[in-house]
Amino acid sequence: MTILRRHRIRGLTLVELMVAMSIGSFLMIGAVTVFMQSRTTFRVNESISRLQENARFVINAIEPDLRMSHYWGLTSRTIKMVGRRTPVDPIPPGFAVANDCGQNWSINLDRATNGTNNAYGWACPAFGAPAAFGADTLEIRRVSEDPLLLLQPGVIYAQTARFRDGQLFVGGAVPPGFLPATSQTHQLIVNGYYVSANSTLDTPGNPVPSLRMKQLIGGGLGGPRIVDQEILPGVEDFQVQFGVDTDLIDTPNRGSIDRYVNPGDPILTPGNAAFLPDAQVLAIRIWLLMRAERPENGYTDTNNYIYADQNIPAPNDAFRRTLVTKTVYVRNARGAR
């Protein structure tokens, strides 16, 4: 009886134990492999989703401003805005703007939609280090959508009425001759978009580029002034093209886009031999090259980016990128006349 009982309770043989351990090891390796692949896929998807979410945020933030370019309230044409100046005109009394980005930059309403191509061409300094190399700038000039009743000193306003000239003025007193029942007061809105090589998310050895905005503000003791505001870190490049109607006024094809040109194109540049005074910007097309804020282990960006007038070779670094584009039609597009 004792011998039979010992036979029944004996353990696994060495061969059986090795087979069981081998099967268990294969199952464990498979489970770990699936886990690591799932984790990598999740990390990649999360990184791409974050870039796309940031791109949507930027577009949603600037699109309304672009769409409202050239809006002057009850006056539809720039030539009707008294008080506007060009960069070669003297600064009008009371219209000196602190930190302005050039002579009469804020009140150069004839260039309601303007910019520079592949360079930062403003007199005001970019945030942090020099502006990002090769990025465009974009200038939008208009007035606020809603008329205002309470006015502040040190703010530039536009008083407009139908069938007569509008008037730029500074401070809280409406210019004489405008009746409250037939005129409206709007604040002048001026925004200049550019890319800086730096942002508020910079860390030692890792500067993060950002899309930023030079904005005209006013009020208080400071008077009219330009401030620099960050829209979003992670924008590496910003490219712009204008959809232009080159047909003459009152011709059959007036009101349709004939071509897309870069900012500073000769047909849009007064004083250039190719300047077309009747050219009209009907749309603004933008490209945003979004870059992750931090490098990603195990990833190398080998993509070649071709867009607008850019042909950027593969960066071959560890930052993930995505390129987005958007065409915005200008609701209030009018010629300078």
Protein backbone atom coordinates (compact mmCIF):
# COMPACT_ATOMS: atom_id res chain seq x y z
CA MET A 1 0.00 0.00 0.00
CA THR A 2 2.74 2.46 0.82
CA ILE A 3 4.49 2.04 -2.54
CA LEU A 4 1.27 2.58 -4.49
CA ARG A 5 0.45 5.77 -2.52
CA ARG A 6 3.90 7.24 -3.29
CA HIS A 7 3.37 6.51 -6.99
CA ARG A 8 0.15 8.48 -7.06
CA ILE A 9 1.61 11.68 -5.49
CA ARG A 10 4.83 11.94 -7.44
CA GLY A 11 5.50 15.36 -9.24
CA LEU A 12 6.36 16.36 -12.84
CA THR A 13 9.32 14.95 -14.60
CA LEU A 14 12.12 17.25 -15.75
CA VAL A 15 10.98 16.93 -19.37
CA GLU A 16 7.41 17.86 -18.48
CA LEU A 17 8.60 20.85 -16.43
CA MET A 18 10.79 22.12 -19.28
CA VAL A 19 7.95 21.77 -21.78
CA ALA A 20 5.59 23.70 -19.46
CA MET A 21 8.18 26.44 -18.90
CA SER A 22 8.78 26.75 -22.66
CA ILE A 23 5.06 27.10 -23.40
CA GLY A 24 4.69 29.63 -20.59
CA SER A 25 7.68 31.63 -21.85
CA PHE A 26 6.30 31.75 -25.39
CA LEU A 27 2.93 32.94 -24.07
CA MET A 28 4.59 35.55 -21.88
CA ILE A 29 6.75 36.83 -24.75
CA GLY A 30 3.66 37.05 -26.97
CA ALA A 31 1.72 38.95 -24.33
CA VAL A 32 4.60 41.37 -23.73
CA THR A 33 5.03 41.90 -27.49
CA VAL A 34 1.33 42.66 -27.96
CA PHE A 35 1.45 45.03 -24.98
CA MET A 36 4.49 46.90 -26.29
CA GLN A 37 3.04 47.20 -29.80
CA SER A 38 -0.25 48.45 -28.39
CA ARG A 39 1.58 50.94 -26.20
CA THR A 40 3.62 52.20 -29.18
CA THR A 41 0.50 52.49 -31.34
CA PHE A 42 -1.27 54.41 -28.57
CA ARG A 43 1.68 56.78 -28.15
CA VAL A 44 1.88 57.43 -31.90
CA ASN A 45 -1.87 57.99 -32.21
CA GLU A 46 -1.85 60.28 -29.20
CA SER A 47 1.03 62.32 -30.63
CA ILE A 48 -0.64 62.66 -34.04
CA SER A 49 -3.99 63.51 -32.44
CA ARG A 50 -2.35 66.21 -30.33
CA LEU A 51 -0.75 67.79 -33.40
CA GLN A 52 -4.06 67.73 -35.27
CA GLU A 53 -5.89 69.16 -32.27
CA ASN A 54 -3.34 71.98 -32.00
CA ALA A 55 -3.72 72.72 -35.71
CA ARG A 56 -7.51 72.90 -35.38
CA PHE A 57 -7.13 75.25 -32.41
CA VAL A 58 -4.86 77.62 -34.35
CA ILE A 59 -7.13 77.67 -37.40
CA ASN A 60 -10.22 78.26 -35.25
CA ALA A 61 -8.40 81.06 -33.43
CA ILE A 62 -7.30 83.04 -36.49
CA GLU A 63 -9.92 82.18 -39.13
CA PRO A 64 -12.57 84.68 -37.91
CA ASP A 65 -9.98 87.47 -37.99
CA LEU A 66 -8.91 86.58 -41.54
CA ARG A 67 -12.50 86.36 -42.71
CA MET A 68 -13.32 89.83 -41.35
CA SER A 69 -10.30 91.53 -42.96
CA HIS A 70 -11.20 94.82 -44.65
CA TYR A 71 -14.35 95.34 -42.57
CA TRP A 72 -14.88 99.04 -41.83
CA GLY A 73 -18.36 99.08 -40.28
CA LEU A 74 -20.90 101.15 -42.24
CA THR A 75 -18.25 102.19 -44.75
CA SER A 76 -17.38 99.52 -47.28
CA ARG A 77 -14.40 101.08 -49.06
CA THR A 78 -11.02 101.94 -47.64
CA ILE A 79 -10.78 105.18 -49.56
CA LYS A 80 -13.69 106.45 -47.47
CA MET A 81 -11.69 106.13 -44.23
CA VAL A 82 -10.27 109.55 -43.39
CA GLY A 83 -7.17 109.42 -41.18
CA ARG A 84 -5.51 106.38 -42.71
CA ARG A 85 -1.83 106.77 -43.58
CA THR A 86 0.86 105.02 -45.59
CA PRO A 87 4.39 104.26 -44.32
CA VAL A 88 5.78 107.33 -46.09
CA ASP A 89 3.27 109.75 -44.56
CA PRO A 90 4.03 111.65 -41.35
CA ILE A 91 2.39 110.26 -38.21
CA PRO A 92 -0.83 112.22 -37.52
CA PRO A 93 -1.03 114.08 -34.20
CA GLY A 94 -2.31 111.78 -31.46
CA PHE A 95 -1.82 108.61 -33.52
CA ALA A 96 1.65 107.67 -32.28
CA VAL A 97 1.51 103.96 -31.39
CA ALA A 98 4.02 102.63 -28.86
CA ASN A 99 6.05 99.65 -30.10
CA ASP A 100 4.53 100.06 -33.57
CA CYS A 101 5.93 97.73 -36.22
CA GLY A 102 6.72 100.52 -38.66
CA GLN A 103 5.74 104.08 -39.52
CA ASN A 104 1.93 104.21 -39.53
CA TRP A 105 1.89 100.40 -39.48
CA SER A 106 -1.32 100.33 -37.45
CA ILE A 107 -3.25 102.82 -39.57
CA ASN A 108 -2.05 101.72 -43.01
CA LEU A 109 -5.59 100.70 -43.91
CA ASP A 110 -4.87 100.63 -47.64
CA ARG A 111 -3.04 97.36 -46.90
CA ALA A 112 -5.88 95.73 -45.00
CA THR A 113 -4.56 92.30 -46.00
CA ASN A 114 -0.79 92.29 -46.23
CA GLY A 115 2.31 90.34 -45.24
CA THR A 116 5.91 89.44 -46.00
CA ASN A 117 7.20 86.38 -47.82
CA ASN A 118 9.68 84.02 -46.14
CA ALA A 119 10.99 86.76 -43.86
CA TYR A 120 10.11 88.86 -40.84
CA GLY A 121 9.99 92.40 -42.18
CA TRP A 122 8.57 94.43 -39.29
CA ALA A 123 10.39 97.07 -37.26
CA CYS A 124 9.12 95.69 -33.94
CA PRO A 125 11.27 92.86 -32.53
CA ALA A 126 10.07 89.26 -32.52
CA PHE A 127 9.56 87.42 -29.24
CA GLY A 128 12.65 85.83 -27.74
CA ALA A 129 15.17 85.09 -30.45
CA PRO A 130 14.83 86.24 -34.07
CA ALA A 131 11.68 85.12 -35.87
CA ALA A 132 11.65 81.64 -37.39
CA PHE A 133 13.73 81.51 -40.57
CA GLY A 134 11.72 81.30 -43.80
CA ALA A 135 8.25 81.81 -42.28
CA ASP A 136 5.75 84.31 -43.71
CA THR A 137 3.98 87.07 -41.85
CA LEU A 138 0.36 88.16 -42.23
CA GLU A 139 -1.24 91.50 -41.38
CA ILE A 140 -5.00 91.91 -40.89
CA ARG A 141 -6.61 95.35 -40.46
CA ARG A 142 -10.30 95.89 -39.79
CA VAL A 143 -12.66 97.19 -37.13
CA SER A 144 -14.56 95.31 -34.43
CA GLU A 145 -17.67 93.44 -35.51
CA ASP A 146 -20.01 95.13 -33.03
CA PRO A 147 -20.44 98.90 -32.59
CA LEU A 148 -19.41 100.37 -29.23
CA LEU A 149 -21.20 102.78 -26.92
CA LEU A 150 -18.66 103.26 -24.10
CA LEU A 151 -15.39 104.68 -25.41
CA GLN A 152 -12.02 104.85 -23.65
CA PRO A 153 -9.16 107.31 -23.94
CA GLY A 154 -6.05 106.02 -25.67
CA VAL A 155 -7.93 103.69 -28.03
CA ILE A 156 -8.08 104.13 -31.83
CA TYR A 157 -11.66 104.06 -33.12
CA ALA A 158 -13.38 104.37 -36.49
CA GLN A 159 -16.59 106.36 -36.81
CA THR A 160 -18.54 105.32 -39.89
CA ALA A 161 -21.82 106.21 -41.56
CA ARG A 162 -23.46 105.33 -44.85
CA PHE A 163 -22.99 107.58 -47.87
CA ARG A 164 -20.20 109.61 -46.29
CA ASP A 165 -16.56 109.30 -45.28
CA GLY A 166 -15.58 107.49 -42.10
CA GLN A 167 -13.13 108.94 -39.59
CA LEU A 168 -10.33 107.47 -37.47
CA PHE A 169 -9.95 109.09 -34.07
CA VAL A 170 -8.31 108.48 -30.70
CA GLY A 171 -10.07 108.76 -27.36
CA GLY A 172 -13.58 108.90 -26.05
CA ALA A 173 -15.14 111.77 -28.03
CA VAL A 174 -16.91 111.04 -31.33
CA PRO A 175 -15.76 113.40 -34.13
CA PRO A 176 -18.15 116.29 -34.77
CA GLY A 177 -20.72 115.92 -37.52
CA PHE A 178 -21.60 112.28 -36.83
CA LEU A 179 -25.12 111.67 -35.50
CA PRO A 180 -25.68 108.73 -33.12
CA ALA A 181 -28.75 107.63 -35.07
CA THR A 182 -26.93 107.33 -38.41
CA SER A 183 -23.35 106.42 -37.47
CA GLN A 184 -21.48 103.72 -35.54
CA THR A 185 -18.26 103.60 -33.53
CA HIS A 186 -15.95 100.59 -33.90
CA GLN A 187 -12.54 99.87 -32.41
CA LEU A 188 -9.69 99.55 -34.88
CA ILE A 189 -8.37 95.97 -34.93
CA VAL A 190 -4.83 95.30 -36.19
CA ASN A 191 -3.22 91.87 -35.88
CA GLY A 192 0.11 90.72 -37.30
CA TYR A 193 0.82 86.97 -37.30
CA TYR A 194 4.32 85.50 -37.35
CA VAL A 195 6.34 82.51 -36.12
CA SER A 196 8.91 82.88 -33.36
CA ALA A 197 11.68 80.37 -32.76
CA ASN A 198 10.78 80.52 -29.05
CA SER A 199 7.73 80.14 -26.83
CA THR A 200 6.67 79.97 -23.20
CA LEU A 201 7.29 76.19 -23.29
CA ASP A 202 11.04 76.49 -23.95
CA THR A 203 13.28 74.30 -21.84
CA PRO A 204 17.10 74.34 -21.70
CA GLY A 205 18.38 72.96 -24.98
CA ASN A 206 14.90 72.61 -26.48
CA PRO A 207 13.37 75.84 -27.82
CA VAL A 208 9.78 75.36 -28.96
CA PRO A 209 8.61 77.48 -31.93
CA SER A 210 5.27 79.26 -31.66
CA LEU A 211 2.74 81.19 -33.69
CA ARG A 212 2.47 84.67 -32.24
CA MET A 213 0.55 87.88 -32.85
CA LYS A 214 1.44 91.56 -32.75
CA GLN A 215 -1.82 93.17 -31.61
CA LEU A 216 -2.95 96.79 -31.40
CA ILE A 217 -4.52 97.60 -28.05
CA GLY A 218 -5.23 100.79 -26.13
CA GLY A 219 -6.77 102.26 -23.04
CA GLY A 220 -5.33 103.48 -19.76
CA LEU A 221 -2.27 105.65 -19.50
CA GLY A 222 -0.33 103.67 -22.10
CA GLY A 223 -2.37 104.91 -25.07
CA PRO A 224 -2.36 103.00 -28.35
CA ARG A 225 0.35 100.34 -28.33
CA ILE A 226 1.40 97.06 -29.88
CA VAL A 227 1.70 93.99 -27.64
CA ASP A 228 3.05 90.54 -28.46
CA GLN A 229 0.81 87.59 -27.64
CA GLU A 230 1.34 83.87 -28.02
CA ILE A 231 -1.35 81.97 -29.92
CA LEU A 232 0.07 78.44 -29.56
CA PRO A 233 3.47 76.75 -29.17
CA GLY A 234 4.39 74.02 -31.62
CA VAL A 235 3.94 75.92 -34.91
CA GLU A 236 7.19 75.57 -36.83
CA ASP A 237 6.25 77.30 -40.07
CA PHE A 238 3.48 79.60 -41.31
CA GLN A 239 3.00 80.19 -45.03
CA VAL A 240 0.50 82.50 -46.70
CA GLN A 241 -0.81 83.06 -50.20
CA PHE A 242 -3.45 85.53 -51.37
CA GLY A 243 -6.21 84.66 -53.82
CA VAL A 244 -6.29 87.74 -56.06
CA ASP A 245 -8.81 89.06 -58.56
CA THR A 246 -6.85 90.97 -61.23
CA ASP A 247 -9.79 91.88 -63.47
CA LEU A 248 -10.67 95.52 -63.91
CA ILE A 249 -13.56 96.99 -61.95
CA ASP A 250 -16.94 96.63 -63.70
CA THR A 251 -15.69 93.94 -66.08
CA PRO A 252 -17.58 90.62 -66.43
CA ASN A 253 -15.08 88.46 -64.51
CA ARG A 254 -14.67 90.89 -61.61
CA GLY A 255 -15.21 89.07 -58.30
CA SER A 256 -13.47 85.75 -59.08
CA ILE A 257 -9.99 84.64 -58.08
CA ASP A 258 -7.53 84.63 -60.98
CA ARG A 259 -4.40 83.48 -59.20
CA TYR A 260 -2.76 82.84 -55.81
CA VAL A 261 0.33 84.90 -55.07
CA ASN A 262 2.79 85.21 -52.20
CA PRO A 263 2.78 88.23 -49.87
CA GLY A 264 4.76 91.07 -51.38
CA ASP A 265 3.99 89.99 -54.96
CA PRO A 266 4.70 92.82 -57.43
CA ILE A 267 1.01 93.12 -58.42
CA LEU A 268 0.20 93.98 -54.77
CA THR A 269 3.15 96.29 -54.12
CA PRO A 270 2.60 100.02 -54.73
CA GLY A 271 5.54 101.57 -56.53
CA ASN A 272 6.43 98.36 -58.38
CA ALA A 273 6.24 98.49 -62.17
CA ALA A 274 3.89 95.48 -62.15
CA PHE A 275 1.56 96.92 -59.48
CA LEU A 276 -2.15 96.53 -60.29
CA PRO A 277 -4.15 99.17 -58.40
CA ASP A 278 -7.41 97.32 -59.11
CA ALA A 279 -6.10 93.98 -57.78
CA GLN A 280 -8.30 92.70 -54.98
CA VAL A 281 -7.53 90.04 -52.35
CA LEU A 282 -10.54 87.72 -52.17
CA ALA A 283 -9.11 84.82 -50.16
CA ILE A 284 -6.25 83.97 -47.82
CA ARG A 285 -4.70 80.50 -47.96
CA ILE A 286 -2.54 79.46 -45.02
CA TRP A 287 -0.30 76.49 -44.26
CA LEU A 288 0.74 75.47 -40.75
CA LEU A 289 3.62 73.07 -40.14
CA MET A 290 2.94 71.74 -36.67
CA ARG A 291 5.81 70.24 -34.64
CA ALA A 292 5.68 68.21 -31.45
CA GLU A 293 6.92 70.05 -28.39
CA ARG A 294 9.31 67.28 -27.34
CA PRO A 295 11.38 64.68 -29.27
CA GLU A 296 9.93 61.18 -29.47
CA ASN A 297 12.12 58.18 -28.63
CA GLY A 298 12.53 55.76 -31.50
CA TYR A 299 11.12 58.14 -34.14
CA THR A 300 12.91 59.90 -37.00
CA ASP A 301 11.16 62.35 -39.28
CA THR A 302 12.26 61.42 -42.81
CA ASN A 303 9.46 63.28 -44.63
CA ASN A 304 10.07 65.91 -47.28
CA TYR A 305 7.62 68.81 -46.89
CA ILE A 306 6.49 70.52 -50.11
CA TYR A 307 3.84 73.23 -49.80
CA ALA A 308 3.23 76.88 -50.79
CA ASP A 309 6.65 78.00 -52.11
CA GLN A 310 8.52 75.72 -49.69
CA ASN A 311 10.50 72.54 -50.37
CA ILE A 312 11.86 71.49 -46.99
CA PRO A 313 14.17 68.44 -46.98
CA ALA A 314 13.70 65.72 -44.39
CA PRO A 315 14.64 67.09 -40.94
CA ASN A 316 15.90 63.65 -39.79
CA ASP A 317 15.22 64.52 -36.17
CA ALA A 318 13.01 62.98 -33.48
CA PHE A 319 10.18 65.53 -33.68
CA ARG A 320 6.88 64.41 -35.15
CA ARG A 321 5.20 66.87 -37.57
CA THR A 322 2.01 67.34 -39.50
CA LEU A 323 1.04 69.84 -42.21
CA VAL A 324 -2.41 71.42 -42.46
CA THR A 325 -3.85 74.01 -44.84
CA LYS A 326 -6.96 76.19 -44.93
CA THR A 327 -8.40 78.65 -47.45
CA VAL A 328 -10.41 81.49 -45.93
CA TYR A 329 -12.57 83.70 -48.12
CA VAL A 330 -12.64 87.38 -47.15
CA ARG A 331 -16.23 88.45 -46.56
CA ASN A 332 -15.66 92.17 -46.95
CA ALA A 333 -13.16 92.19 -49.81
CA ARG A 334 -13.16 95.54 -51.58
CA GLY A 335 -10.67 97.34 -53.73
CA ALA A 336 -8.90 100.37 -52.35
CA ARG A 337 -11.20 102.60 -54.37
